[in-house]
N, C-alpha and C. Protein backbone atom coordinates (compact mmCIF):
# COMPACT_ATOMS: atom_id res chain seq x y z
N MET A 1 -1.96 -10.66 21.90
CA MET A 1 -1.43 -9.96 20.74
C MET A 1 -1.05 -8.54 21.19
N LYS A 2 0.08 -8.05 20.75
CA LYS A 2 0.55 -6.72 21.11
C LYS A 2 -0.30 -5.64 20.46
N ARG A 3 -0.30 -4.46 21.07
CA ARG A 3 -0.93 -3.28 20.48
C ARG A 3 0.07 -2.63 19.54
N LEU A 4 -0.44 -1.84 18.62
CA LEU A 4 0.46 -1.08 17.74
C LEU A 4 1.10 0.06 18.52
N PRO A 5 2.39 0.24 18.39
CA PRO A 5 3.04 1.38 19.04
C PRO A 5 2.60 2.69 18.37
N LEU A 6 2.60 3.77 19.14
CA LEU A 6 2.21 5.08 18.61
C LEU A 6 3.09 5.48 17.43
N LEU A 7 4.37 5.17 17.50
CA LEU A 7 5.28 5.52 16.40
C LEU A 7 4.88 4.82 15.10
N ALA A 8 4.38 3.59 15.20
CA ALA A 8 3.91 2.88 14.00
C ALA A 8 2.73 3.61 13.38
N ILE A 9 1.85 4.11 14.21
CA ILE A 9 0.68 4.85 13.71
C ILE A 9 1.12 6.15 13.06
N VAL A 10 1.99 6.88 13.72
CA VAL A 10 2.47 8.17 13.19
C VAL A 10 3.21 7.97 11.87
N THR A 11 4.09 6.98 11.80
CA THR A 11 4.85 6.78 10.56
C THR A 11 3.95 6.27 9.43
N ALA A 12 2.95 5.46 9.76
CA ALA A 12 2.02 4.99 8.72
C ALA A 12 1.25 6.17 8.12
N LEU A 13 0.80 7.06 8.97
CA LEU A 13 0.08 8.24 8.48
C LEU A 13 1.00 9.18 7.71
N ALA A 14 2.22 9.35 8.21
CA ALA A 14 3.19 10.21 7.53
C ALA A 14 3.59 9.64 6.17
N SER A 15 3.53 8.31 6.04
CA SER A 15 3.90 7.69 4.76
C SER A 15 2.97 8.11 3.62
N LEU A 16 1.82 8.62 3.96
CA LEU A 16 0.87 9.07 2.94
C LEU A 16 1.23 10.45 2.37
N LEU A 17 2.04 11.21 3.06
CA LEU A 17 2.32 12.59 2.64
C LEU A 17 2.89 12.70 1.22
N PRO A 18 3.89 11.91 0.83
CA PRO A 18 4.39 12.03 -0.55
C PRO A 18 3.31 11.75 -1.60
N LEU A 19 2.48 10.75 -1.36
CA LEU A 19 1.43 10.41 -2.31
C LEU A 19 0.35 11.49 -2.36
N VAL A 20 -0.03 12.00 -1.21
CA VAL A 20 -1.01 13.10 -1.17
C VAL A 20 -0.43 14.34 -1.85
N GLY A 21 0.86 14.59 -1.63
CA GLY A 21 1.52 15.74 -2.27
C GLY A 21 1.54 15.61 -3.78
N CYS A 22 1.90 14.43 -4.29
CA CYS A 22 1.90 14.20 -5.75
C CYS A 22 0.49 14.35 -6.31
N THR A 23 -0.49 13.81 -5.60
CA THR A 23 -1.87 13.89 -6.06
C THR A 23 -2.32 15.34 -6.16
N CYS A 24 -2.08 16.11 -5.12
CA CYS A 24 -2.47 17.53 -5.13
C CYS A 24 -1.76 18.29 -6.25
N ALA A 25 -0.49 18.00 -6.44
CA ALA A 25 0.26 18.66 -7.49
C ALA A 25 -0.30 18.30 -8.87
N ILE A 26 -0.64 17.04 -9.08
CA ILE A 26 -1.22 16.63 -10.36
C ILE A 26 -2.57 17.31 -10.58
N LEU A 27 -3.35 17.42 -9.52
CA LEU A 27 -4.69 18.01 -9.64
C LEU A 27 -4.66 19.51 -9.86
N PHE A 28 -3.71 20.19 -9.22
CA PHE A 28 -3.79 21.65 -9.20
C PHE A 28 -2.69 22.39 -9.95
N LEU A 29 -1.63 21.70 -10.36
CA LEU A 29 -0.62 22.37 -11.19
C LEU A 29 -1.00 22.20 -12.66
N THR A 30 -0.30 22.91 -13.50
CA THR A 30 -0.59 22.78 -14.93
C THR A 30 -0.27 21.36 -15.40
N PRO A 31 -0.99 20.90 -16.41
CA PRO A 31 -0.77 19.54 -16.92
C PRO A 31 0.66 19.28 -17.42
N ASP A 32 1.44 20.34 -17.65
CA ASP A 32 2.83 20.15 -18.07
C ASP A 32 3.63 19.33 -17.07
N HIS A 33 3.27 19.42 -15.80
CA HIS A 33 4.00 18.73 -14.74
C HIS A 33 3.52 17.29 -14.53
N THR A 34 2.38 16.96 -15.09
CA THR A 34 1.75 15.67 -14.82
C THR A 34 2.63 14.45 -15.12
N PRO A 35 3.31 14.36 -16.27
CA PRO A 35 4.10 13.14 -16.53
C PRO A 35 5.14 12.83 -15.45
N ARG A 36 5.87 13.84 -15.01
CA ARG A 36 6.89 13.61 -13.98
C ARG A 36 6.26 13.28 -12.63
N LEU A 37 5.18 13.98 -12.32
CA LEU A 37 4.50 13.72 -11.06
C LEU A 37 3.83 12.34 -11.05
N LEU A 38 3.32 11.93 -12.20
CA LEU A 38 2.72 10.60 -12.31
C LEU A 38 3.78 9.53 -12.10
N THR A 39 4.95 9.73 -12.67
CA THR A 39 6.06 8.79 -12.46
C THR A 39 6.41 8.72 -10.98
N ALA A 40 6.47 9.86 -10.33
CA ALA A 40 6.79 9.89 -8.89
C ALA A 40 5.70 9.19 -8.08
N ALA A 41 4.44 9.43 -8.42
CA ALA A 41 3.34 8.82 -7.68
C ALA A 41 3.33 7.30 -7.85
N VAL A 42 3.53 6.83 -9.06
CA VAL A 42 3.55 5.37 -9.30
C VAL A 42 4.76 4.76 -8.59
N GLY A 43 5.90 5.40 -8.68
CA GLY A 43 7.09 4.88 -7.98
C GLY A 43 6.88 4.81 -6.49
N TYR A 44 6.31 5.86 -5.91
CA TYR A 44 6.08 5.85 -4.47
C TYR A 44 5.00 4.84 -4.09
N GLY A 45 3.99 4.69 -4.95
CA GLY A 45 2.96 3.68 -4.70
C GLY A 45 3.55 2.28 -4.66
N ALA A 46 4.50 2.01 -5.55
CA ALA A 46 5.16 0.71 -5.56
C ALA A 46 5.96 0.49 -4.26
N VAL A 47 6.60 1.55 -3.80
CA VAL A 47 7.35 1.47 -2.54
C VAL A 47 6.38 1.20 -1.38
N MET A 48 5.26 1.93 -1.36
CA MET A 48 4.27 1.73 -0.29
C MET A 48 3.75 0.29 -0.29
N LEU A 49 3.44 -0.21 -1.47
CA LEU A 49 2.92 -1.56 -1.57
C LEU A 49 3.95 -2.58 -1.06
N SER A 50 5.21 -2.36 -1.40
CA SER A 50 6.28 -3.25 -0.91
C SER A 50 6.34 -3.21 0.62
N PHE A 51 6.19 -2.04 1.17
CA PHE A 51 6.25 -1.91 2.62
C PHE A 51 5.08 -2.63 3.29
N LEU A 52 3.89 -2.54 2.68
CA LEU A 52 2.73 -3.25 3.24
C LEU A 52 3.01 -4.75 3.32
N GLY A 53 3.65 -5.28 2.31
CA GLY A 53 4.01 -6.69 2.34
C GLY A 53 5.09 -6.99 3.37
N ALA A 54 6.02 -6.07 3.52
CA ALA A 54 7.13 -6.28 4.45
C ALA A 54 6.65 -6.40 5.89
N VAL A 55 5.50 -5.81 6.19
CA VAL A 55 4.94 -5.93 7.53
C VAL A 55 4.74 -7.41 7.88
N HIS A 56 4.28 -8.19 6.91
CA HIS A 56 4.04 -9.60 7.15
C HIS A 56 5.34 -10.37 7.38
N TRP A 57 6.40 -9.95 6.71
CA TRP A 57 7.71 -10.57 6.96
C TRP A 57 8.12 -10.31 8.41
N GLY A 58 7.94 -9.06 8.84
CA GLY A 58 8.28 -8.73 10.22
C GLY A 58 7.49 -9.54 11.22
N LEU A 59 6.20 -9.71 10.95
CA LEU A 59 5.37 -10.50 11.85
C LEU A 59 5.80 -11.96 11.87
N ALA A 60 6.20 -12.46 10.72
CA ALA A 60 6.64 -13.86 10.65
C ALA A 60 7.95 -14.07 11.38
N LEU A 61 8.80 -13.07 11.36
CA LEU A 61 10.13 -13.24 11.95
C LEU A 61 10.20 -12.87 13.42
N GLU A 62 9.21 -12.10 13.92
CA GLU A 62 9.21 -11.73 15.33
C GLU A 62 8.43 -12.78 16.11
N GLN A 63 9.13 -13.75 16.62
CA GLN A 63 8.47 -14.82 17.35
C GLN A 63 8.92 -14.79 18.79
N PRO A 64 8.14 -15.10 19.72
CA PRO A 64 6.76 -15.56 19.66
C PRO A 64 5.75 -14.44 19.89
N ASP A 65 6.20 -13.18 20.03
CA ASP A 65 5.31 -12.11 20.49
C ASP A 65 4.07 -11.88 19.65
N ILE A 66 4.17 -11.93 18.33
CA ILE A 66 3.02 -11.59 17.51
C ILE A 66 2.35 -12.82 16.92
N VAL A 67 2.98 -13.96 17.05
CA VAL A 67 2.37 -15.18 16.53
C VAL A 67 1.28 -15.59 17.52
N PRO A 68 0.05 -15.80 17.04
CA PRO A 68 -1.02 -16.19 17.96
C PRO A 68 -0.73 -17.54 18.61
N ALA A 69 -1.44 -17.80 19.70
CA ALA A 69 -1.19 -19.02 20.47
C ALA A 69 -1.26 -20.27 19.60
N GLY A 70 -2.15 -20.29 18.62
CA GLY A 70 -2.28 -21.44 17.73
C GLY A 70 -1.35 -21.37 16.54
N GLY A 71 -0.37 -20.44 16.58
CA GLY A 71 0.53 -20.24 15.44
C GLY A 71 1.29 -21.51 15.08
N THR A 72 1.52 -21.69 13.80
CA THR A 72 2.22 -22.87 13.32
C THR A 72 3.23 -22.45 12.27
N GLN A 73 3.99 -23.41 11.82
CA GLN A 73 4.93 -23.16 10.74
C GLN A 73 4.19 -22.76 9.48
N ARG A 74 2.98 -23.31 9.28
CA ARG A 74 2.16 -22.97 8.11
C ARG A 74 1.84 -21.47 8.09
N LEU A 75 1.48 -20.91 9.25
CA LEU A 75 1.18 -19.48 9.33
C LEU A 75 2.41 -18.66 8.98
N THR A 76 3.56 -19.05 9.49
CA THR A 76 4.80 -18.34 9.18
C THR A 76 5.09 -18.39 7.69
N ASN A 77 4.93 -19.55 7.09
CA ASN A 77 5.17 -19.69 5.65
C ASN A 77 4.19 -18.84 4.84
N LEU A 78 2.93 -18.82 5.25
CA LEU A 78 1.94 -17.97 4.56
C LEU A 78 2.31 -16.50 4.67
N ARG A 79 2.74 -16.09 5.86
CA ARG A 79 3.13 -14.69 6.05
C ARG A 79 4.32 -14.33 5.16
N LEU A 80 5.29 -15.21 5.09
CA LEU A 80 6.45 -14.92 4.25
C LEU A 80 6.07 -14.84 2.78
N ALA A 81 5.22 -15.75 2.33
CA ALA A 81 4.79 -15.73 0.93
C ALA A 81 3.96 -14.50 0.63
N MET A 82 3.01 -14.20 1.48
CA MET A 82 2.15 -13.04 1.25
C MET A 82 2.91 -11.73 1.46
N GLY A 83 3.98 -11.79 2.21
CA GLY A 83 4.80 -10.60 2.39
C GLY A 83 5.53 -10.20 1.12
N GLY A 84 5.87 -11.17 0.29
CA GLY A 84 6.57 -10.87 -0.96
C GLY A 84 5.66 -10.49 -2.11
N ALA A 85 4.42 -10.92 -2.06
CA ALA A 85 3.49 -10.69 -3.18
C ALA A 85 3.27 -9.20 -3.48
N PRO A 86 3.03 -8.35 -2.47
CA PRO A 86 2.82 -6.93 -2.79
C PRO A 86 4.03 -6.28 -3.46
N ALA A 87 5.22 -6.68 -3.07
CA ALA A 87 6.42 -6.13 -3.71
C ALA A 87 6.46 -6.50 -5.18
N CYS A 88 6.10 -7.73 -5.49
CA CYS A 88 6.08 -8.17 -6.90
C CYS A 88 5.03 -7.40 -7.69
N ILE A 89 3.86 -7.21 -7.09
CA ILE A 89 2.80 -6.44 -7.77
C ILE A 89 3.25 -5.00 -7.99
N GLY A 90 3.88 -4.41 -6.98
CA GLY A 90 4.40 -3.05 -7.12
C GLY A 90 5.44 -2.95 -8.23
N TRP A 91 6.32 -3.93 -8.29
CA TRP A 91 7.36 -3.94 -9.33
C TRP A 91 6.73 -4.06 -10.72
N VAL A 92 5.74 -4.95 -10.87
CA VAL A 92 5.05 -5.08 -12.16
C VAL A 92 4.38 -3.76 -12.53
N GLY A 93 3.73 -3.13 -11.57
CA GLY A 93 3.10 -1.83 -11.83
C GLY A 93 4.12 -0.79 -12.26
N LEU A 94 5.25 -0.77 -11.61
CA LEU A 94 6.31 0.17 -11.94
C LEU A 94 6.86 -0.09 -13.33
N CYS A 95 7.08 -1.36 -13.66
CA CYS A 95 7.57 -1.72 -15.00
C CYS A 95 6.57 -1.35 -16.07
N LEU A 96 5.31 -1.66 -15.84
CA LEU A 96 4.28 -1.34 -16.84
C LEU A 96 4.10 0.16 -16.99
N ALA A 97 4.37 0.91 -15.93
CA ALA A 97 4.27 2.36 -16.01
C ALA A 97 5.30 2.95 -16.97
N THR A 98 6.40 2.23 -17.19
CA THR A 98 7.39 2.73 -18.15
C THR A 98 6.87 2.63 -19.58
N VAL A 99 5.92 1.71 -19.80
CA VAL A 99 5.30 1.55 -21.11
C VAL A 99 4.09 2.47 -21.23
N HIS A 100 3.23 2.43 -20.21
CA HIS A 100 2.03 3.26 -20.17
C HIS A 100 1.70 3.54 -18.70
N GLU A 101 1.84 4.80 -18.30
CA GLU A 101 1.71 5.16 -16.88
C GLU A 101 0.39 4.72 -16.27
N LEU A 102 -0.70 4.87 -17.01
CA LEU A 102 -2.00 4.56 -16.44
C LEU A 102 -2.18 3.06 -16.19
N ILE A 103 -1.55 2.23 -17.00
CA ILE A 103 -1.62 0.78 -16.74
C ILE A 103 -0.90 0.47 -15.43
N GLY A 104 0.24 1.09 -15.23
CA GLY A 104 0.95 0.91 -13.97
C GLY A 104 0.11 1.37 -12.78
N LEU A 105 -0.58 2.48 -12.96
CA LEU A 105 -1.45 3.00 -11.91
C LEU A 105 -2.59 2.02 -11.61
N LEU A 106 -3.17 1.44 -12.65
CA LEU A 106 -4.25 0.46 -12.46
C LEU A 106 -3.75 -0.79 -11.73
N ILE A 107 -2.53 -1.22 -12.03
CA ILE A 107 -1.95 -2.37 -11.34
C ILE A 107 -1.79 -2.06 -9.85
N LEU A 108 -1.34 -0.84 -9.53
CA LEU A 108 -1.20 -0.46 -8.13
C LEU A 108 -2.55 -0.42 -7.43
N ILE A 109 -3.56 0.11 -8.10
CA ILE A 109 -4.90 0.15 -7.52
C ILE A 109 -5.35 -1.27 -7.17
N ALA A 110 -5.16 -2.20 -8.10
CA ALA A 110 -5.53 -3.60 -7.85
C ALA A 110 -4.67 -4.21 -6.74
N GLY A 111 -3.39 -3.89 -6.72
CA GLY A 111 -2.48 -4.42 -5.71
C GLY A 111 -2.84 -3.97 -4.30
N PHE A 112 -3.19 -2.70 -4.16
CA PHE A 112 -3.59 -2.20 -2.84
C PHE A 112 -4.90 -2.85 -2.40
N ALA A 113 -5.83 -3.02 -3.32
CA ALA A 113 -7.11 -3.66 -2.99
C ALA A 113 -6.90 -5.11 -2.57
N ALA A 114 -6.07 -5.83 -3.32
CA ALA A 114 -5.79 -7.23 -2.98
C ALA A 114 -5.09 -7.34 -1.63
N THR A 115 -4.19 -6.43 -1.36
CA THR A 115 -3.49 -6.43 -0.07
C THR A 115 -4.47 -6.20 1.07
N ALA A 116 -5.42 -5.29 0.86
CA ALA A 116 -6.43 -5.03 1.90
C ALA A 116 -7.26 -6.28 2.18
N VAL A 117 -7.62 -7.00 1.14
CA VAL A 117 -8.42 -8.22 1.31
C VAL A 117 -7.63 -9.27 2.08
N VAL A 118 -6.38 -9.48 1.69
CA VAL A 118 -5.56 -10.50 2.36
C VAL A 118 -5.30 -10.11 3.81
N GLU A 119 -5.03 -8.85 4.07
CA GLU A 119 -4.78 -8.42 5.45
C GLU A 119 -6.04 -8.55 6.29
N ARG A 120 -7.17 -8.28 5.71
CA ARG A 120 -8.44 -8.45 6.44
C ARG A 120 -8.64 -9.92 6.83
N MET A 121 -8.34 -10.81 5.91
CA MET A 121 -8.46 -12.24 6.19
C MET A 121 -7.52 -12.65 7.33
N ALA A 122 -6.29 -12.13 7.31
CA ALA A 122 -5.32 -12.44 8.37
C ALA A 122 -5.80 -11.86 9.70
N TRP A 123 -6.32 -10.66 9.66
CA TRP A 123 -6.82 -10.01 10.88
C TRP A 123 -7.98 -10.81 11.47
N GLN A 124 -8.89 -11.30 10.62
CA GLN A 124 -10.03 -12.07 11.10
C GLN A 124 -9.57 -13.36 11.79
N ARG A 125 -8.43 -13.87 11.41
CA ARG A 125 -7.89 -15.09 12.04
C ARG A 125 -7.05 -14.78 13.27
N GLY A 126 -6.97 -13.50 13.65
CA GLY A 126 -6.21 -13.12 14.83
C GLY A 126 -4.72 -13.07 14.62
N ALA A 127 -4.29 -12.96 13.37
CA ALA A 127 -2.86 -12.99 13.07
C ALA A 127 -2.24 -11.60 12.95
N MET A 128 -2.97 -10.57 13.35
CA MET A 128 -2.46 -9.21 13.25
C MET A 128 -2.62 -8.51 14.60
N PRO A 129 -1.75 -7.55 14.90
CA PRO A 129 -1.85 -6.83 16.17
C PRO A 129 -3.16 -6.02 16.27
N ARG A 130 -3.57 -5.76 17.48
CA ARG A 130 -4.77 -4.97 17.74
C ARG A 130 -4.61 -3.57 17.15
N GLY A 131 -5.61 -3.09 16.48
CA GLY A 131 -5.57 -1.76 15.88
C GLY A 131 -4.97 -1.71 14.49
N TYR A 132 -4.37 -2.81 14.06
CA TYR A 132 -3.68 -2.84 12.77
C TYR A 132 -4.63 -2.60 11.61
N MET A 133 -5.76 -3.29 11.57
CA MET A 133 -6.66 -3.18 10.42
C MET A 133 -7.26 -1.79 10.30
N THR A 134 -7.58 -1.16 11.41
CA THR A 134 -8.11 0.21 11.35
C THR A 134 -7.11 1.12 10.67
N LEU A 135 -5.88 1.03 11.09
CA LEU A 135 -4.82 1.85 10.49
C LEU A 135 -4.62 1.50 9.03
N GLN A 136 -4.57 0.20 8.71
CA GLN A 136 -4.35 -0.21 7.32
C GLN A 136 -5.51 0.20 6.43
N TRP A 137 -6.74 0.07 6.90
CA TRP A 137 -7.88 0.51 6.08
C TRP A 137 -7.76 1.99 5.77
N PHE A 138 -7.38 2.78 6.75
CA PHE A 138 -7.24 4.22 6.52
C PHE A 138 -6.14 4.50 5.49
N VAL A 139 -4.98 3.89 5.68
CA VAL A 139 -3.85 4.12 4.77
C VAL A 139 -4.20 3.64 3.35
N ILE A 140 -4.73 2.43 3.25
CA ILE A 140 -5.04 1.88 1.92
C ILE A 140 -6.16 2.66 1.24
N CYS A 141 -7.20 3.01 1.99
CA CYS A 141 -8.30 3.79 1.38
C CYS A 141 -7.84 5.15 0.90
N LEU A 142 -7.01 5.83 1.69
CA LEU A 142 -6.52 7.14 1.26
C LEU A 142 -5.60 6.99 0.05
N ALA A 143 -4.76 5.97 0.05
CA ALA A 143 -3.90 5.73 -1.11
C ALA A 143 -4.74 5.45 -2.35
N GLU A 144 -5.77 4.63 -2.20
CA GLU A 144 -6.65 4.33 -3.33
C GLU A 144 -7.36 5.58 -3.83
N LEU A 145 -7.82 6.43 -2.92
CA LEU A 145 -8.45 7.69 -3.34
C LEU A 145 -7.47 8.57 -4.11
N CYS A 146 -6.23 8.61 -3.67
CA CYS A 146 -5.20 9.38 -4.39
C CYS A 146 -5.01 8.81 -5.79
N PHE A 147 -4.87 7.49 -5.88
CA PHE A 147 -4.68 6.87 -7.20
C PHE A 147 -5.87 7.12 -8.11
N LEU A 148 -7.07 7.04 -7.58
CA LEU A 148 -8.27 7.29 -8.40
C LEU A 148 -8.35 8.76 -8.84
N ALA A 149 -7.96 9.67 -7.96
CA ALA A 149 -7.94 11.09 -8.32
C ALA A 149 -6.90 11.35 -9.41
N ILE A 150 -5.74 10.71 -9.30
CA ILE A 150 -4.71 10.84 -10.33
C ILE A 150 -5.21 10.27 -11.65
N LEU A 151 -5.84 9.11 -11.59
CA LEU A 151 -6.39 8.48 -12.78
C LEU A 151 -7.42 9.40 -13.45
N ALA A 152 -8.31 9.96 -12.65
CA ALA A 152 -9.31 10.89 -13.20
C ALA A 152 -8.67 12.11 -13.81
N ALA A 153 -7.66 12.67 -13.15
CA ALA A 153 -6.98 13.86 -13.68
C ALA A 153 -6.27 13.54 -14.98
N CYS A 154 -5.66 12.38 -15.05
CA CYS A 154 -4.94 12.00 -16.27
C CYS A 154 -5.89 11.70 -17.43
N MET A 155 -7.13 11.39 -17.09
CA MET A 155 -8.13 11.14 -18.13
C MET A 155 -8.89 12.42 -18.49
N GLY A 156 -8.38 13.55 -18.01
CA GLY A 156 -8.95 14.84 -18.39
C GLY A 156 -9.99 15.40 -17.45
N MET A 157 -10.19 14.79 -16.31
CA MET A 157 -11.19 15.27 -15.36
C MET A 157 -10.52 16.03 -14.23
N ARG A 158 -9.97 17.19 -14.55
CA ARG A 158 -9.28 18.02 -13.56
C ARG A 158 -10.23 19.05 -12.96
N PRO A 159 -10.01 19.43 -11.70
CA PRO A 159 -10.80 20.53 -11.14
C PRO A 159 -10.43 21.84 -11.82
N HIS A 160 -11.36 22.74 -11.90
CA HIS A 160 -11.08 24.03 -12.54
C HIS A 160 -11.05 25.14 -11.53
């Protein structure tokens, strides 16, 4: 199995910057800015979730380098199916956010958690590159912390 390239690590970490920026702005700016920032955070969260799924599409389509020795058509089909699921969850979260922002945020929180579980299962089966889960756990955990901080701020628990 290939190692993760350094650029993949750097871009994964950099992908957190917009979400961390929105979170900090929601926490520390006046509440007047919160609705627009919440919309931006939910929108970016949906994009991030879609990208997490797209990784599986890439793994399914890059053959034979990342497919394990025991790889089969079944594994490729599972990767393609699971690659699309996070995008659908992100879209549902984004749509629900137009009705009620916090519901959309809760959908994203659940979507990121579900993605982490599925990716962990794939990693345990040797279907992911070396170092991938460490990076994904960091990205997903930080994203989840941002979403939880936004949720707390929107529920009136802001730092003073």
